[in-house]
Protein backbone atom coordinates (compact mmCIF):
# COMPACT_ATOMS: atom_id res chain seq x y z
CA MET A 1 0.00 0.00 0.00
CA SER A 2 1.08 3.57 -0.67
CA ILE A 3 2.42 5.81 2.07
CA ARG A 4 -0.12 8.62 2.39
CA VAL A 5 1.55 11.98 2.96
CA LEU A 6 0.22 15.38 4.02
CA LEU A 7 2.43 18.35 3.09
CA ALA A 8 2.40 21.26 5.57
CA ASP A 9 4.36 24.30 4.42
CA ASP A 10 3.37 27.94 3.93
CA HIS A 11 5.31 28.21 0.64
CA LYS A 12 3.45 26.83 -2.35
CA ILE A 13 6.60 26.35 -4.42
CA ILE A 14 8.09 24.16 -1.67
CA ARG A 15 4.95 22.03 -1.51
CA GLN A 16 4.96 21.65 -5.28
CA GLY A 17 8.59 20.58 -5.26
CA ILE A 18 8.08 17.99 -2.54
CA ARG A 19 4.95 16.67 -4.23
CA SER A 20 6.87 16.28 -7.48
CA ILE A 21 9.66 14.33 -5.75
CA LEU A 22 7.32 11.96 -3.92
CA GLU A 23 4.97 11.35 -6.82
CA LYS A 24 7.88 10.30 -9.03
CA GLU A 25 8.56 7.49 -6.58
CA SER A 26 6.42 4.38 -6.34
CA GLY A 27 4.53 3.83 -3.12
CA PHE A 28 3.65 7.42 -2.24
CA GLU A 29 0.39 9.35 -2.34
CA VAL A 30 0.21 13.06 -1.44
CA VAL A 31 -3.30 13.31 0.01
CA ALA A 32 -3.41 17.07 0.68
CA GLU A 33 -1.44 20.26 1.25
CA ALA A 34 -1.71 22.66 4.19
CA GLU A 35 -0.37 26.21 4.25
CA THR A 36 -0.89 26.82 7.97
CA GLY A 37 -0.37 24.80 11.12
CA ARG A 38 -4.05 24.96 11.95
CA MET A 39 -4.96 23.59 8.53
CA ALA A 40 -2.41 20.80 8.97
CA VAL A 41 -4.11 19.67 12.20
CA GLN A 42 -7.55 19.80 10.61
CA LEU A 43 -6.52 17.88 7.49
CA ALA A 44 -4.58 15.31 9.49
CA GLY A 45 -7.67 14.60 11.56
CA LYS A 46 -9.88 14.34 8.50
CA LEU A 47 -7.61 12.37 6.14
CA LEU A 48 -5.48 10.33 8.60
CA PRO A 49 -2.24 10.35 6.55
CA ASP A 50 0.61 8.04 7.43
CA VAL A 51 3.11 10.91 7.56
CA VAL A 52 2.80 14.69 7.89
CA LEU A 53 5.78 16.57 6.46
CA MET A 54 5.84 19.59 8.75
CA GLU A 55 7.52 22.99 8.39
CA ILE A 56 8.26 24.57 11.77
CA SER A 57 7.60 28.21 10.85
CA MET A 58 4.02 28.64 9.65
CA PRO A 59 1.26 31.21 10.16
CA GLU A 60 -1.73 30.86 12.53
CA MET A 61 -0.16 27.93 14.36
CA ASN A 62 3.52 27.01 14.23
CA GLY A 63 4.67 23.52 13.28
CA ILE A 64 5.68 22.61 16.83
CA GLU A 65 2.21 23.26 18.23
CA ALA A 66 0.62 21.58 15.20
CA THR A 67 2.82 18.53 15.78
CA ARG A 68 1.91 18.44 19.46
CA ARG A 69 -1.81 18.48 18.66
CA ILE A 70 -1.59 15.89 15.90
CA ILE A 71 0.35 13.44 18.07
CA ALA A 72 -1.95 14.00 21.07
CA GLU A 73 -5.26 13.88 19.21
CA ILE A 74 -4.81 11.65 16.15
CA SER A 75 -3.69 8.05 16.52
CA GLY A 76 -1.36 6.50 13.96
CA VAL A 77 -0.17 9.70 12.28
CA ARG A 78 3.59 10.33 12.28
CA VAL A 79 5.20 13.72 11.85
CA LEU A 80 8.47 14.37 10.02
CA ALA A 81 9.82 17.91 10.33
CA LEU A 82 11.25 19.33 7.11
CA SER A 83 12.58 22.79 7.81
CA MET A 84 15.34 25.34 7.37
CA GLN A 85 15.28 25.91 11.14
CA TYR A 86 18.57 24.68 12.56
CA ASP A 87 18.23 26.30 15.97
CA ARG A 88 18.74 23.82 18.83
CA GLN A 89 15.61 24.99 20.65
CA PHE A 90 13.36 24.47 17.62
CA VAL A 91 14.76 21.00 16.98
CA VAL A 92 14.45 19.82 20.58
CA GLU A 93 10.94 21.26 21.00
CA GLU A 94 9.75 19.64 17.76
CA LEU A 95 11.08 16.23 18.81
CA ASN A 96 9.63 16.66 22.29
CA ALA A 97 6.30 17.47 20.64
CA GLY A 98 6.35 13.96 19.18
CA ALA A 99 7.91 14.25 15.73
CA ARG A 100 9.50 10.99 14.56
CA GLY A 101 12.17 12.75 12.53
CA TYR A 102 13.81 16.02 11.57
CA LEU A 103 15.19 16.80 8.14
CA MET A 104 16.76 19.95 6.71
CA LYS A 105 15.40 21.44 3.49
CA ASP A 106 18.84 21.30 1.91
CA CYS A 107 18.64 17.49 1.90
CA THR A 108 18.71 15.49 -1.31
CA SER A 109 15.55 14.08 -2.85
CA GLU A 110 16.88 10.59 -2.06
CA GLU A 111 17.21 11.41 1.63
CA LEU A 112 13.72 12.92 1.68
CA VAL A 113 12.25 9.72 0.26
CA GLU A 114 14.23 7.57 2.69
CA ALA A 115 13.17 9.71 5.65
CA VAL A 116 9.47 9.53 4.80
CA ARG A 117 9.66 5.77 4.35
CA THR A 118 11.53 5.37 7.65
CA VAL A 119 9.12 7.53 9.66
CA ALA A 120 6.13 5.77 8.08
CA THR A 121 7.31 2.55 9.78
CA ASP A 122 7.43 4.43 13.12
CA GLU A 123 11.23 4.53 13.11
CA MET A 124 13.13 7.68 14.02
CA TYR A 125 14.97 9.56 11.25
CA LEU A 126 17.39 12.39 11.96
CA SER A 127 19.64 13.93 9.35
CA SER A 128 23.34 13.77 10.26
CA LYS A 129 23.42 17.52 10.90
CA ILE A 130 20.50 17.31 13.31
CA SER A 131 21.97 14.25 15.07
CA ARG A 132 25.20 16.15 15.75
CA LEU A 133 23.25 19.14 17.05
CA ILE A 134 21.25 17.01 19.49
CA VAL A 135 24.28 15.11 20.72
CA LYS A 136 26.28 18.31 21.27
CA ASP A 137 23.39 19.77 23.23
CA TYR A 138 23.20 16.63 25.34
CA MET A 139 26.94 16.52 25.99
CA GLN A 140 26.83 20.09 27.28
CA ASN A 141 24.09 19.23 29.76
CA VAL A 142 24.73 15.60 30.71
CA PRO A 143 24.28 15.00 34.46
CA ASP A 144 27.26 13.69 36.41
CA SER A 145 25.15 10.87 37.86
CA PHE A 146 24.10 9.44 34.49
CA SER A 147 23.83 5.64 34.69
CA PRO A 148 23.82 2.67 34.16
CA LYS A 149 26.94 1.53 32.33
CA PRO A 150 26.75 -0.40 29.07
CA SER A 151 28.46 -3.41 30.66
CA ILE A 152 25.02 -4.81 31.51
CA LEU A 153 24.47 -5.35 27.78
CA THR A 154 25.55 -8.41 25.83
CA PHE A 155 28.15 -8.09 23.09
CA ARG A 156 25.45 -8.24 20.38
CA GLU A 157 23.38 -5.62 22.18
CA LEU A 158 26.44 -3.36 22.32
CA GLU A 159 26.88 -3.84 18.57
CA VAL A 160 23.28 -2.84 17.95
CA LEU A 161 23.56 0.13 20.30
CA LYS A 162 26.71 1.32 18.54
CA LEU A 163 24.98 1.21 15.15
CA ILE A 164 21.99 3.07 16.57
CA GLY A 165 24.43 5.71 17.79
CA ASP A 166 25.91 5.85 14.30
CA GLY A 167 22.48 6.82 12.99
CA LYS A 168 21.65 3.50 11.33
CA ASN A 169 18.00 2.49 10.98
CA THR A 170 16.66 -0.99 11.69
CA LYS A 171 17.10 -2.25 8.13
CA GLU A 172 20.69 -0.98 7.95
CA ILE A 173 21.56 -2.57 11.30
CA ALA A 174 20.10 -5.89 10.19
CA SER A 175 22.19 -5.77 7.02
CA ALA A 176 25.39 -4.78 8.83
CA LEU A 177 25.08 -7.60 11.38
CA ALA A 178 23.56 -10.17 8.98
CA ILE A 179 20.53 -10.69 11.21
CA SER A 180 16.80 -10.23 10.64
CA ILE A 181 14.91 -6.99 11.18
CA LYS A 182 12.82 -8.77 13.82
CA THR A 183 16.00 -9.74 15.70
CA VAL A 184 17.24 -6.13 15.61
CA GLU A 185 13.91 -4.94 17.02
CA SER A 186 14.15 -7.55 19.78
CA HIS A 187 17.67 -6.44 20.70
CA ARG A 188 16.60 -2.80 20.72
CA GLN A 189 13.70 -3.53 23.08
CA LYS A 190 16.03 -5.40 25.46
CA ILE A 191 18.56 -2.55 25.35
CA MET A 192 15.83 -0.02 26.19
CA GLN A 193 14.58 -2.16 29.08
CA LYS A 194 18.07 -2.67 30.53
CA LEU A 195 19.12 0.97 30.20
CA LYS A 196 15.66 2.39 31.02
CA LEU A 197 15.85 4.57 27.92
CA TYR A 198 12.81 4.69 25.70
CA SER A 199 13.61 6.54 22.49
CA ILE A 200 16.15 6.36 19.67
CA ALA A 201 17.35 9.86 20.58
CA GLU A 202 18.11 8.76 24.16
CA LEU A 203 19.93 5.66 22.93
CA THR A 204 21.99 7.78 20.54
CA LYS A 205 23.00 10.15 23.34
CA TYR A 206 23.92 7.21 25.55
CA ALA A 207 26.04 5.57 22.84
CA VAL A 208 28.01 8.78 22.34
CA ARG A 209 28.50 9.41 26.04
CA GLU A 210 29.78 5.89 26.63
CA GLY A 211 32.22 6.12 23.73
CA LEU A 212 30.48 3.50 21.61
CA THR A 213 30.27 5.90 18.68
CA PRO A 214 32.35 9.03 17.99
CA LEU A 215 30.99 12.53 18.40
CA GLN A 216 31.48 14.17 15.00
CA GLN A 217 32.45 17.81 14.86
């Protein structure tokens, strides 16, 4: 079945460009376009898209508030931020609002397609630039008492955690370790339970702090 996408951006030319990219690919259907945050919430509730591509800066209601309302009020709809906003506060607030990913508008069409497909499966997708921003923010504010240590994980779990920290999605991890996607998901759930961390962003921060993956500059 096609991935049903709602485009939310106040610039018509941007919406047209994104629509053109997605409709050239198989497996996508752009169900509607919204030029305000309020309209995005209304259309999401009416059409129930799989993914809402959300600009942060929009009139009437900004993308962060629109994301918060969509996630709180509409079950099964994922939000992927696609914005020029690179400010740490905007990124963190959008992810805290419930977005499953954050992508910059200077990304390639290939990355856009990959990000939408990833978020549609309820996986997290962060562009490399956004991942570095989040990790740097975390490293500046990490509490001294942060625990537990990764030694409670098995060797395979450490491998999976390292690849998560490297920004790999489930499919890429499965390929790298020559295991099934279901096995990767099982390892990830065990890692989350052992570390008491419940999001990909938290696991990424943990992997960097514990030296399992390098912090890029």
